[in-house]
Structures are given as C-alpha cells and as structure tokens.
Amino acid sequence: MNFPQRRGNILPSPAPNIFALSAERSPHRLATGILLVYLFLVMSRAVEGLAVTLGVNLHLALVLMVISLVAAIFTGGLLHALKTPVVIMYTALTCWLMVTVLMSQWRGGSFHTLTTAWFPSYAGVVLIPSLISSLDQCRKVCYVLGFSLVPILWATVSFRAQVAGRDQTFFGTLGNPNELAFYLLLMIPFAVFVINSEFVLSWKTIVCAVSIVWGIVKTLRTGSRAGLLAMSACFVIVFLNGKMKTKFKLFVGTGLIAAIAFPLISGDVLRRYGTLLDGTSYDASMSTDEMSAVESTRARKMLLGESVRIMLEHPLFGVGPGIFSASLAGEQKQRGQYQTWHEAHNSFTQLGSEAGIPALGVFLTIVFYCLKRTVSIYRRARRDPNQIGISRMAASLAMALVIYIISATFGTYSYTIEFPVLAGLIQALDVCVRRKINSGAVIAPARRQARLATPAFDSPAPDYVRTSPLSSSRLYASQAILQAPS
C-alpha cells in the first residue's frame, strides 16, 4: 500500500474511518449468541406462544438469562457493564425499589413484582452491554429486534381473537389490543434498519418489508389510540428530518398502507379513533363502542389523577412496587365507591406512586439520558456518509424510544423488559462509538471532505455494513489522508 508523500502539514498516516476498522470483537461469541436467542424469545413473545403450543412452560427465557448472566460474570463483561452510566442508574433504581418493598403496604405483592418483573428487566439492561462489545454485535441485536416482528404477527394469526372489532390474541401479553399495538410498533424501527442495511431483493428485506406493512395494518386494527399517536409522531419526525427522497417514500408508503388498511378496519375501530380528539364527551348518537371508548378515556384520566394524588401523599417510598391498584381499591372500598382494580395507565405516575418521587426521578433521568445519547450519536454520524450504519442504528433506537415514551404515557410498562433492552443497547452502542472516537478511528466531519485525498487502494467493508453502495464507492475515502489547516 503506497500512500502519497507527506508535504507540509499533511499527516504522515491515514485517518481511518470508524466503518473501515473492524471493531473489537468479544471473545465469548457463544455467550453473545445465547443472549441474542434470549432477546428474540423475550421481545417477540415467542416464549409465550411456545408455551401455549407445547402445553408446558419450559422456562427457556429464564434458563437462557441465567446462562448469559454466568457468561457475563466469568468473561468479565459484567464488571465492565456495571461501570457504565445506564447500568449505574438502573442499579441505583433497583436498590431503591428493594428499599420500597420494605416500606410497602403489601410486602408480599411488592416482593412478587420485584422478583418476577423487575429483576428480569434489570438483567436485560445489564446483559446487553456485558456481552455486546462491537458495532457488528450491536447490528445483530437490531436484526434480532427487527425479526421479532414475525413471531408476534404469527401469534395474531394462530391465536387470533377480537373484542368489539379490535384485534388481539387469546393468551398472554398480546391478549390486550393496546399491548399488541405497542409490541408491534416497538419492533418496526428495527425492521426498517434491516431493510436499509440489506440488498433490495434480499430475503431479509422482503420479510421485513412485508412484516412492516402487516404490522402497521394490525396496529390500526387494534384500535389503540396510543398506537395511532405514536405512529403519527414517528411520521412527523421522519418527515421533518428526512431528505426529499425520504419524504416522497414516506408519503407513498403511507398512502399504500392506508389503501390496504382502510377496508380491513372495522367501523367500530374507526369510530373509536374518532373519539381521540374529544374523548370525554357523550353524544346521543354514539354507538355502544364509542361510548365504551369515551368511558375508557374518562377512567384513564381518573386513574391518572389518583396516581398523582397517591404519589404526592407518599412522596418518598410510595405505596409499594406493583401495589397501586390494590392500594386505590382499598381506599375506594373505605369510601364506599366502586373498586376499579386497574393500573394507572401511565408508567411514569404509576412508578412515582408505587416507589416514590426519587424512583420516578431516576427513571426519567435514564429515559432522557438514553434519548440524548442516541440523538447525539445520530447527529454526529449522519454528517459522514461513511458512518451511515451507525447513523441508522441510532435513528432506529431513537424512534423506538419515541414509541416507548408515547406508549408509556398511556400504558403501564414501568417494570417490563422493553425499555431496559433499549437502554442496554443504547449503552452498548455508545460504548462502541466512544471507543472508536478515543482510539482516533473517526473520519473528519462532512464539512472537511473536500480536503481528503482518495487512497490508491480499495478498503473492504466491515461486517456491520451490509448495504451495497457502502460496500464499494462510499468506503473508498475510509483510508484518506487528513490534511491539517495550512
């Protein structure tokens, strides 16, 4: 390899691109593979469908989680992960929740919530940065999340059920239309990442494209108003930040999906969406389903107000993890009112009412930190076409975070594993990108591209760059000589 001779202030060696260097690979590839299988089973809800199909619960998720945790301990990845900001904050939140269990109004119920819901979620946020240590592995996690759409969609066919025209399944977490919409929407940004990373006629592209269209149609058929708001927010974000070509594709895709979905959505669901803007007012001409939607909105507002009230009455320790519905029902019984026995339908106020304002503060800090780091990585990487792989991963994570925040505002996902998986992946991606920055393996920003000289050799594309254009012309500049200002 012959480089141009050094003249003046030109650096003596090439400035490698972050994509041109092979990221540090984890020596425990088997453990990483087990983690990927675990994430696929959990995030796709395939473990639930498998239990229903076989008629027996094999506890595969628990077994794979324990194996991954043991591997993280013996390989030293766990010790490294415990020093990262997201894991530190989640560990602090976990310790606080254990304290609130002791102060709970029902210790047994809080202990059950902690052991069956929170600890598996905490394991998710710890295991990913422990066993994912390269950009290629981050890409594989995104692929796993993208293909998690397939088992969810399969469950909507094999275990199909409907309530008032709203799609759902007759088992597990997908048995609620709002939950089904949330899980479908959360995986779609990663399916988009797969499409952008593969050849147009690749089987992966075809499977993900069909899954995205089918998933959006299914989401609309659930009648989830939170899901509709999340999709609208994503549309606006992509439209405002996308180039003209992206905006054109967005409008064409939206029109195509609307043409497919509209005939497949029942009138009851359409009327339910009609109550979105004025969801608390009754009308004599309303159908039974519309009145049910209005009553649901009123109940949610009541529960939101009650959760805020309980949080302010128990600001330090709350009423205990997982105890909001029982605590509110007890108060309603004493007042002689109807006992609702419902969650707060707001992940943030529910956590604050159950574990106190300190827990809510830490949780919100984690959410905003993850969003800030993801947007920062995206903005930095999008300036350079040679870092498009990182930019797309960050964009997918940012959109998934937006979907989670909107869904969590109208649903209860305080202790579930979805956000911990996103937070763990964001932390792993952040560590990998920072490692490359600290090692100097970063190409100049786009505004300095005119000062780069093209090398005399061709640089191969790394494993985590799958798009055909990136495999050729866009990587020619990856080993260019960076000239200093004269």
Protein backbone atom coordinates (compact mmCIF):
# COMPACT_ATOMS: atom_id res chain seq x y z
CA MET A 1 0.00 0.00 0.00
CA ASN A 2 1.57 3.25 -1.20
CA PHE A 3 0.40 6.49 0.32
CA PRO A 4 1.07 9.95 -1.10
CA GLN A 5 4.23 11.55 0.16
CA ARG A 6 3.92 13.85 3.14
CA ARG A 7 4.03 17.53 2.21
CA GLY A 8 3.69 20.49 4.52
CA ASN A 9 1.27 19.84 7.33
CA ILE A 10 -0.27 16.66 5.89
CA LEU A 11 -0.39 13.90 8.49
CA PRO A 12 2.07 11.04 7.95
CA SER A 13 -0.55 8.28 8.24
CA PRO A 14 -4.12 7.81 7.03
CA ALA A 15 -7.02 8.83 9.22
CA PRO A 16 -9.13 5.65 9.26
CA ASN A 17 -12.91 5.75 9.16
CA ILE A 18 -14.94 4.33 12.02
CA PHE A 19 -16.52 1.95 9.49
CA ALA A 20 -13.21 0.90 7.98
CA LEU A 21 -11.81 -0.56 11.16
CA SER A 22 -13.07 -3.84 12.47
CA ALA A 23 -14.50 -3.17 15.90
CA GLU A 24 -13.16 -5.11 18.86
CA ARG A 25 -14.87 -8.46 18.94
CA SER A 26 -15.98 -10.18 22.07
CA PRO A 27 -14.04 -13.36 22.81
CA HIS A 28 -17.23 -15.03 24.05
CA ARG A 29 -19.18 -15.29 20.79
CA LEU A 30 -21.17 -18.29 22.06
CA ALA A 31 -22.40 -16.32 25.05
CA THR A 32 -23.37 -13.45 22.76
CA GLY A 33 -25.28 -15.90 20.56
CA ILE A 34 -27.18 -17.22 23.58
CA LEU A 35 -28.03 -13.64 24.54
CA LEU A 36 -29.40 -12.98 21.05
CA VAL A 37 -31.63 -16.04 21.27
CA TYR A 38 -32.83 -14.90 24.69
CA LEU A 39 -33.66 -11.43 23.39
CA PHE A 40 -35.51 -12.89 20.42
CA LEU A 41 -37.66 -15.15 22.60
CA VAL A 42 -38.49 -12.38 25.05
CA MET A 43 -39.02 -9.42 22.73
CA SER A 44 -41.02 -11.39 20.15
CA ARG A 45 -43.19 -13.04 22.82
CA ALA A 46 -42.27 -16.33 21.14
CA VAL A 47 -41.68 -17.86 24.55
CA GLU A 48 -45.37 -17.33 25.36
CA GLY A 49 -46.53 -18.79 22.06
CA LEU A 50 -44.20 -21.76 22.51
CA ALA A 51 -45.66 -22.49 25.95
CA VAL A 52 -49.20 -22.39 24.58
CA THR A 53 -48.31 -24.58 21.59
CA LEU A 54 -46.47 -27.22 23.65
CA GLY A 55 -48.86 -27.05 26.58
CA VAL A 56 -45.96 -26.74 29.02
CA ASN A 57 -43.77 -23.85 30.13
CA LEU A 58 -40.12 -24.80 29.61
CA HIS A 59 -38.89 -21.54 31.21
CA LEU A 60 -36.48 -21.09 28.28
CA ALA A 61 -36.19 -17.37 28.88
CA LEU A 62 -35.14 -17.89 32.49
CA VAL A 63 -32.62 -20.60 31.56
CA LEU A 64 -31.03 -18.50 28.81
CA MET A 65 -30.96 -15.45 31.07
CA VAL A 66 -29.10 -17.36 33.78
CA ILE A 67 -26.62 -18.81 31.27
CA SER A 68 -25.96 -15.35 29.83
CA LEU A 69 -25.50 -13.91 33.31
CA VAL A 70 -22.97 -16.62 34.24
CA ALA A 71 -21.10 -15.98 30.98
CA ALA A 72 -21.08 -12.24 31.67
CA ILE A 73 -19.58 -12.87 35.11
CA PHE A 74 -16.83 -15.25 34.00
CA THR A 75 -15.83 -13.24 30.94
CA GLY A 76 -15.54 -10.00 32.88
CA GLY A 77 -18.17 -8.24 30.81
CA LEU A 78 -20.46 -7.78 33.79
CA LEU A 79 -17.82 -5.85 35.72
CA HIS A 80 -17.33 -3.56 32.75
CA ALA A 81 -21.07 -3.03 32.28
CA LEU A 82 -21.59 -2.12 35.93
CA LYS A 83 -19.38 0.94 35.37
CA THR A 84 -21.48 2.37 32.56
CA PRO A 85 -23.91 5.26 33.24
CA VAL A 86 -27.14 3.50 32.27
CA VAL A 87 -26.38 0.41 34.35
CA ILE A 88 -25.28 2.55 37.30
CA MET A 89 -28.58 4.42 37.25
CA TYR A 90 -30.58 1.22 36.84
CA THR A 91 -28.65 -0.36 39.72
CA ALA A 92 -29.43 2.63 41.91
CA LEU A 93 -33.11 2.38 40.95
CA THR A 94 -33.09 -1.34 41.75
CA CYS A 95 -31.60 -0.72 45.18
CA TRP A 96 -34.23 1.94 45.86
CA LEU A 97 -37.03 -0.41 44.81
CA MET A 98 -35.74 -3.03 47.25
CA VAL A 99 -35.96 -0.41 49.99
CA THR A 100 -39.51 0.49 48.99
CA VAL A 101 -40.50 -3.17 49.27
CA LEU A 102 -39.73 -2.97 52.98
CA MET A 103 -41.98 0.09 53.26
CA SER A 104 -44.74 -1.34 51.07
CA GLN A 105 -48.37 -1.56 52.14
CA TRP A 106 -48.29 -5.16 50.92
CA ARG A 107 -44.77 -6.55 51.08
CA GLY A 108 -45.66 -9.90 49.57
CA GLY A 109 -47.15 -8.32 46.45
CA SER A 110 -44.25 -5.92 46.07
CA PHE A 111 -41.72 -8.72 46.50
CA HIS A 112 -43.52 -10.70 43.80
CA THR A 113 -43.39 -7.71 41.42
CA LEU A 114 -39.71 -7.25 42.11
CA THR A 115 -38.73 -10.88 41.55
CA THR A 116 -40.96 -11.77 38.60
CA ALA A 117 -40.98 -8.48 36.69
CA TRP A 118 -38.24 -6.09 37.72
CA PHE A 119 -35.25 -8.40 38.19
CA PRO A 120 -35.59 -9.98 34.69
CA SER A 121 -35.85 -6.46 33.27
CA TYR A 122 -32.78 -5.36 35.21
CA ALA A 123 -30.93 -8.39 33.86
CA GLY A 124 -31.77 -7.23 30.34
CA VAL A 125 -30.19 -3.82 30.81
CA VAL A 126 -27.09 -5.40 32.38
CA LEU A 127 -26.54 -8.31 29.99
CA ILE A 128 -26.54 -6.35 26.73
CA PRO A 129 -23.58 -4.05 27.49
CA SER A 130 -21.88 -7.03 29.18
CA LEU A 131 -21.96 -9.32 26.13
CA ILE A 132 -22.29 -6.83 23.25
CA SER A 133 -18.91 -5.21 22.69
CA SER A 134 -18.67 -4.36 18.98
CA LEU A 135 -20.63 -2.47 16.38
CA ASP A 136 -21.23 -5.69 14.48
CA GLN A 137 -22.85 -7.20 17.55
CA CYS A 138 -25.00 -4.08 18.01
CA ARG A 139 -26.14 -4.58 14.43
CA LYS A 140 -27.07 -8.18 15.20
CA VAL A 141 -29.18 -7.10 18.16
CA CYS A 142 -31.02 -4.66 15.89
CA TYR A 143 -31.60 -7.51 13.43
CA VAL A 144 -32.96 -9.70 16.22
CA LEU A 145 -35.38 -6.97 17.26
CA GLY A 146 -36.41 -6.39 13.65
CA PHE A 147 -37.19 -10.05 13.04
CA SER A 148 -39.06 -10.22 16.35
CA LEU A 149 -41.99 -8.82 14.39
CA VAL A 150 -42.51 -12.18 12.69
CA PRO A 151 -43.50 -14.29 15.76
CA ILE A 152 -45.77 -11.51 17.02
CA LEU A 153 -47.58 -11.41 13.68
CA TRP A 154 -47.72 -15.19 13.61
CA ALA A 155 -49.39 -15.16 17.03
CA THR A 156 -52.05 -12.74 15.75
CA VAL A 157 -52.97 -15.36 13.13
CA SER A 158 -52.57 -18.61 15.07
CA PHE A 159 -54.18 -17.31 18.28
CA ARG A 160 -56.43 -14.67 16.75
CA ALA A 161 -59.20 -13.11 18.80
CA GLN A 162 -61.31 -9.98 18.62
CA VAL A 163 -63.17 -7.82 21.11
CA ALA A 164 -65.53 -5.19 19.67
CA GLY A 165 -63.71 -5.44 16.34
CA ARG A 166 -60.28 -4.89 17.93
CA ASP A 167 -57.55 -7.43 17.09
CA GLN A 168 -55.75 -9.27 19.86
CA THR A 169 -54.78 -12.83 20.83
CA PHE A 170 -56.44 -15.07 23.36
CA PHE A 171 -53.36 -15.56 25.55
CA GLY A 172 -50.53 -13.75 27.32
CA THR A 173 -49.43 -10.16 26.97
CA LEU A 174 -50.72 -9.98 23.39
CA GLY A 175 -54.24 -10.60 24.69
CA ASN A 176 -54.69 -6.86 25.17
CA PRO A 177 -55.13 -4.79 21.96
CA ASN A 178 -53.13 -1.88 23.37
CA GLU A 179 -50.26 -4.18 24.36
CA LEU A 180 -50.29 -5.82 20.93
CA ALA A 181 -50.06 -2.42 19.23
CA PHE A 182 -47.17 -1.42 21.49
CA TYR A 183 -45.11 -4.53 20.81
CA LEU A 184 -45.68 -4.31 17.07
CA LEU A 185 -44.74 -0.64 16.82
CA LEU A 186 -41.66 -1.03 19.00
CA MET A 187 -40.11 -3.56 16.61
CA ILE A 188 -40.90 -1.74 13.36
CA PRO A 189 -37.95 0.77 13.52
CA PHE A 190 -35.53 -2.15 13.69
CA ALA A 191 -37.20 -3.87 10.75
CA VAL A 192 -36.67 -0.61 8.84
CA PHE A 193 -32.99 -0.78 9.83
CA VAL A 194 -32.75 -4.29 8.37
CA ILE A 195 -34.26 -3.09 5.09
CA ASN A 196 -31.82 -0.18 4.88
CA SER A 197 -28.90 -2.49 5.59
CA GLU A 198 -29.65 -5.21 3.04
CA PHE A 199 -29.94 -5.56 -0.72
CA VAL A 200 -33.33 -4.71 -2.20
CA LEU A 201 -34.07 -8.29 -3.29
CA SER A 202 -32.62 -9.93 -0.18
CA TRP A 203 -34.96 -12.32 1.61
CA LYS A 204 -34.38 -10.33 4.78
CA THR A 205 -35.58 -7.16 3.08
CA ILE A 206 -38.67 -8.88 1.71
CA VAL A 207 -39.58 -10.47 5.05
CA CYS A 208 -39.14 -7.21 6.96
CA ALA A 209 -41.00 -5.14 4.37
CA VAL A 210 -43.99 -7.47 4.47
CA SER A 211 -43.82 -7.55 8.27
CA ILE A 212 -43.80 -3.74 8.49
CA VAL A 213 -46.87 -3.34 6.27
CA TRP A 214 -48.68 -6.17 8.01
CA GLY A 215 -47.64 -4.88 11.43
CA ILE A 216 -48.94 -1.36 10.76
CA VAL A 217 -52.24 -2.74 9.47
CA LYS A 218 -52.54 -4.95 12.55
CA THR A 219 -51.73 -1.99 14.78
CA LEU A 220 -54.51 0.05 13.19
CA ARG A 221 -56.90 -2.88 13.62
CA THR A 222 -56.23 -2.98 17.37
CA GLY A 223 -57.98 0.36 17.80
CA SER A 224 -55.17 1.57 20.07
CA ARG A 225 -55.32 5.35 20.23
CA ALA A 226 -51.88 5.46 21.85
CA GLY A 227 -50.57 3.43 18.92
CA LEU A 228 -52.11 5.88 16.47
CA LEU A 229 -50.47 8.79 18.30
CA ALA A 230 -47.10 7.00 18.27
CA MET A 231 -47.33 6.36 14.53
CA SER A 232 -48.31 9.98 13.91
CA ALA A 233 -45.37 11.23 15.97
CA CYS A 234 -42.95 8.99 14.06
CA PHE A 235 -44.39 10.22 10.76
CA VAL A 236 -43.84 13.85 11.75
CA ILE A 237 -40.29 13.21 12.99
CA VAL A 238 -39.24 11.37 9.83
CA PHE A 239 -40.90 13.99 7.62
CA LEU A 240 -39.17 16.89 9.35
CA ASN A 241 -35.73 15.27 9.44
CA GLY A 242 -35.77 13.32 6.19
CA LYS A 243 -34.50 14.41 2.81
CA MET A 244 -36.85 14.98 -0.11
CA LYS A 245 -36.38 11.40 -1.28
CA THR A 246 -37.26 10.11 2.17
CA LYS A 247 -40.35 12.34 2.33
CA PHE A 248 -41.51 11.04 -1.03
CA LYS A 249 -41.08 7.43 0.09
CA LEU A 250 -42.90 8.26 3.33
CA PHE A 251 -45.93 9.67 1.52
CA VAL A 252 -46.05 6.81 -0.98
CA GLY A 253 -45.73 4.20 1.77
CA THR A 254 -48.34 5.90 3.92
CA GLY A 255 -50.78 6.07 1.02
CA LEU A 256 -50.19 2.42 0.17
CA ILE A 257 -50.70 1.27 3.76
CA ALA A 258 -53.81 3.44 4.11
CA ALA A 259 -55.26 1.91 0.93
CA ILE A 260 -54.63 -1.58 2.31
CA ALA A 261 -55.68 -0.92 5.90
CA PHE A 262 -58.84 1.16 5.47
CA PRO A 263 -61.00 -1.65 4.01
CA LEU A 264 -59.72 -4.04 6.72
CA ILE A 265 -60.55 -1.82 9.71
CA SER A 266 -63.98 -2.30 11.21
CA GLY A 267 -66.39 0.59 11.64
CA ASP A 268 -66.24 0.16 15.42
CA VAL A 269 -62.49 0.77 15.40
CA LEU A 270 -62.82 3.81 13.14
CA ARG A 271 -65.43 5.29 15.46
CA ARG A 272 -63.12 4.61 18.38
CA TYR A 273 -60.39 6.62 16.68
CA GLY A 274 -62.95 9.37 16.19
CA THR A 275 -63.10 9.86 19.97
CA LEU A 276 -59.39 10.71 20.12
CA LEU A 277 -59.84 14.48 19.98
CA ASP A 278 -62.93 14.70 22.17
CA GLY A 279 -62.79 11.53 24.20
CA THR A 280 -64.71 12.62 27.30
CA SER A 281 -67.95 13.90 25.80
CA TYR A 282 -71.04 11.75 25.35
CA ASP A 283 -73.44 12.14 22.46
CA ALA A 284 -76.87 10.62 22.00
CA SER A 285 -75.94 9.41 18.53
CA MET A 286 -72.91 7.48 19.76
CA SER A 287 -72.75 3.73 19.34
CA THR A 288 -72.03 1.35 22.19
CA ASP A 289 -68.38 1.06 21.16
CA GLU A 290 -67.95 4.84 21.00
CA MET A 291 -69.46 5.22 24.46
CA SER A 292 -67.11 2.48 25.69
CA ALA A 293 -64.14 4.40 24.27
CA VAL A 294 -65.30 7.61 25.96
CA GLU A 295 -65.76 5.78 29.25
CA SER A 296 -62.27 4.31 28.88
CA THR A 297 -60.82 7.80 28.39
CA ARG A 298 -62.62 9.09 31.47
CA ALA A 299 -61.41 6.14 33.53
CA ARG A 300 -57.83 6.73 32.40
CA LYS A 301 -57.99 10.38 33.40
CA MET A 302 -59.39 9.40 36.78
CA LEU A 303 -56.62 6.85 37.31
CA LEU A 304 -54.00 9.39 36.24
CA GLY A 305 -55.28 11.87 38.79
CA GLU A 306 -55.39 9.22 41.51
CA SER A 307 -51.83 8.10 40.77
CA VAL A 308 -50.60 11.70 41.03
CA ARG A 309 -52.51 12.15 44.29
CA ILE A 310 -51.06 8.97 45.81
CA MET A 311 -47.57 9.98 44.66
CA LEU A 312 -47.91 13.33 46.42
CA GLU A 313 -49.32 11.69 49.56
CA HIS A 314 -46.44 9.14 49.64
CA PRO A 315 -43.61 11.13 48.04
CA LEU A 316 -40.64 9.20 49.42
CA PHE A 317 -41.37 5.47 49.30
CA GLY A 318 -44.76 5.28 47.57
CA VAL A 319 -47.26 2.56 48.39
CA GLY A 320 -45.02 -0.26 47.19
CA PRO A 321 -43.99 -1.67 43.78
CA GLY A 322 -46.95 -3.17 41.94
CA ILE A 323 -49.43 -2.12 44.64
CA PHE A 324 -51.12 0.92 43.09
CA SER A 325 -54.28 -0.90 42.00
CA ALA A 326 -54.64 -2.69 45.35
CA SER A 327 -53.98 0.48 47.32
CA LEU A 328 -56.51 2.50 45.31
CA ALA A 329 -59.09 -0.28 45.55
CA GLY A 330 -58.65 -0.31 49.34
CA GLU A 331 -59.26 3.43 49.52
CA GLN A 332 -62.30 3.15 47.26
CA LYS A 333 -63.73 0.40 49.45
CA GLN A 334 -63.36 2.56 52.54
CA ARG A 335 -65.13 5.42 50.76
CA GLY A 336 -67.88 3.10 49.59
CA GLN A 337 -67.02 3.59 45.94
CA TYR A 338 -66.71 1.12 43.09
CA GLN A 339 -63.34 -0.65 43.23
CA THR A 340 -61.58 -0.23 39.88
CA TRP A 341 -58.60 -2.59 40.38
CA HIS A 342 -56.84 -1.01 37.39
CA GLU A 343 -53.28 0.14 36.82
CA ALA A 344 -52.59 3.85 36.43
CA HIS A 345 -52.24 3.54 32.62
CA ASN A 346 -49.25 5.86 32.88
CA SER A 347 -45.87 4.26 33.50
CA PHE A 348 -44.34 7.39 34.99
CA THR A 349 -47.02 8.34 37.51
CA GLN A 350 -47.52 4.69 38.43
CA LEU A 351 -43.84 4.28 39.27
CA GLY A 352 -43.91 7.52 41.24
CA SER A 353 -46.97 6.44 43.21
CA GLU A 354 -45.55 2.98 43.90
CA ALA A 355 -41.88 3.78 44.58
CA GLY A 356 -41.89 7.48 45.33
CA ILE A 357 -40.64 10.59 43.58
CA PRO A 358 -36.94 9.54 43.88
CA ALA A 359 -37.64 6.42 41.79
CA LEU A 360 -39.53 8.48 39.22
CA GLY A 361 -36.66 10.98 39.06
CA VAL A 362 -34.07 8.26 38.39
CA PHE A 363 -36.30 6.60 35.79
CA LEU A 364 -36.87 9.87 33.92
CA THR A 365 -33.14 10.58 34.07
CA ILE A 366 -32.45 7.24 32.39
CA VAL A 367 -35.03 7.94 29.69
CA PHE A 368 -33.69 11.41 28.90
CA TYR A 369 -30.06 10.24 29.05
CA CYS A 370 -30.76 7.46 26.55
CA LEU A 371 -32.62 9.83 24.26
CA LYS A 372 -29.84 12.42 24.47
CA ARG A 373 -27.06 9.93 23.74
CA THR A 374 -28.97 8.37 20.85
CA VAL A 375 -29.72 11.71 19.20
CA SER A 376 -26.12 12.81 19.76
CA ILE A 377 -24.73 9.70 18.06
CA TYR A 378 -27.19 10.10 15.20
CA ARG A 379 -26.35 13.76 14.60
CA ARG A 380 -22.63 13.12 14.69
CA ALA A 381 -22.74 10.08 12.42
CA ARG A 382 -25.17 11.46 9.85
CA ARG A 383 -22.64 14.15 8.80
CA ASP A 384 -20.43 11.47 7.30
CA PRO A 385 -21.84 9.04 4.68
CA ASN A 386 -19.17 6.54 5.72
CA GLN A 387 -20.81 6.28 9.15
CA ILE A 388 -24.28 5.63 7.81
CA GLY A 389 -24.50 2.25 9.58
CA ILE A 390 -24.09 3.90 12.98
CA SER A 391 -26.47 6.67 11.98
CA ARG A 392 -29.17 4.17 11.05
CA MET A 393 -28.78 2.20 14.25
CA ALA A 394 -29.08 5.38 16.30
CA ALA A 395 -32.10 6.51 14.28
CA SER A 396 -33.86 3.19 14.86
CA LEU A 397 -33.19 3.39 18.59
CA ALA A 398 -34.38 6.99 18.73
CA MET A 399 -37.65 6.13 17.00
CA ALA A 400 -38.14 3.14 19.31
CA LEU A 401 -37.60 5.44 22.30
CA VAL A 402 -40.23 7.86 20.97
CA ILE A 403 -42.68 4.98 20.57
CA TYR A 404 -41.92 3.78 24.09
CA ILE A 405 -42.33 7.23 25.68
CA ILE A 406 -45.69 7.82 23.99
CA SER A 407 -46.94 4.31 24.77
CA ALA A 408 -45.70 4.53 28.37
CA THR A 409 -47.67 7.75 28.79
CA PHE A 410 -50.87 5.81 28.10
CA GLY A 411 -49.88 2.35 29.35
CA THR A 412 -48.15 0.59 32.19
CA TYR A 413 -44.64 -0.54 31.26
CA SER A 414 -42.75 0.53 34.37
CA TYR A 415 -41.36 -2.91 35.19
CA THR A 416 -41.39 -4.63 31.79
CA ILE A 417 -38.27 -5.53 29.84
CA GLU A 418 -38.79 -3.43 26.70
CA PHE A 419 -37.17 -0.20 27.85
CA PRO A 420 -34.29 -1.97 29.66
CA VAL A 421 -33.43 -3.74 26.40
CA LEU A 422 -33.44 -0.44 24.52
CA ALA A 423 -31.41 1.26 27.26
CA GLY A 424 -28.87 -1.58 27.34
CA LEU A 425 -28.46 -1.50 23.56
CA ILE A 426 -28.04 2.28 23.59
CA GLN A 427 -25.37 1.94 26.26
CA ALA A 428 -23.55 -0.76 24.27
CA LEU A 429 -23.68 1.33 21.09
CA ASP A 430 -22.48 4.41 22.96
CA VAL A 431 -19.52 2.50 24.40
CA CYS A 432 -18.53 1.13 20.98
CA VAL A 433 -18.73 4.56 19.34
CA ARG A 434 -16.81 6.26 22.15
CA ARG A 435 -14.13 3.57 21.94
CA LYS A 436 -13.61 4.37 18.28
CA ILE A 437 -13.55 8.08 18.96
CA ASN A 438 -11.00 7.69 21.74
CA SER A 439 -8.83 5.47 19.55
CA GLY A 440 -8.81 8.14 16.87
CA ALA A 441 -10.70 5.97 14.42
CA VAL A 442 -13.02 8.71 13.27
CA ILE A 443 -13.04 10.30 9.86
CA ALA A 444 -13.32 14.07 9.52
CA PRO A 445 -16.78 15.66 9.52
CA ALA A 446 -18.54 16.10 6.21
CA ARG A 447 -17.62 19.77 6.01
CA ARG A 448 -13.95 18.75 5.66
CA GLN A 449 -14.50 16.09 2.99
CA ALA A 450 -13.13 18.41 0.29
CA ARG A 451 -9.73 18.25 1.95
CA LEU A 452 -9.46 14.46 1.84
CA ALA A 453 -7.35 12.69 -0.74
CA THR A 454 -8.51 9.37 -2.21
CA PRO A 455 -6.13 6.46 -1.45
CA ALA A 456 -4.72 4.18 -4.06
CA PHE A 457 -6.25 1.01 -2.66
CA ASP A 458 -9.74 -0.32 -2.04
CA SER A 459 -10.86 -0.78 1.55
CA PRO A 460 -13.18 -3.72 2.32
CA ALA A 461 -16.44 -3.03 4.07
CA PRO A 462 -16.68 -4.27 7.66
CA ASP A 463 -19.20 -6.86 8.80
CA TYR A 464 -21.76 -4.39 10.06
CA VAL A 465 -22.04 -2.56 6.71
CA ARG A 466 -24.44 -4.53 4.52
CA THR A 467 -25.73 -2.00 2.01
CA SER A 468 -24.33 -2.49 -1.49
CA PRO A 469 -23.32 1.16 -2.08
CA LEU A 470 -21.44 1.17 1.19
CA SER A 471 -19.56 -1.94 0.15
CA SER A 472 -17.97 -0.08 -2.74
CA SER A 473 -17.78 3.60 -3.59
CA ARG A 474 -18.65 5.11 -0.20
CA LEU A 475 -15.77 3.37 1.52
CA TYR A 476 -13.06 4.50 -0.87
CA ALA A 477 -12.47 7.52 1.33
CA SER A 478 -12.13 5.49 4.51
CA GLN A 479 -8.31 5.47 4.42
CA ALA A 480 -7.86 9.02 3.09
CA ILE A 481 -5.09 11.31 4.25
CA LEU A 482 -6.38 14.03 6.58
CA GLN A 483 -4.76 17.38 5.83
CA ALA A 484 -4.20 19.85 8.63
CA PRO A 485 -5.04 23.53 8.09
CA SER A 486 -2.21 25.40 6.37
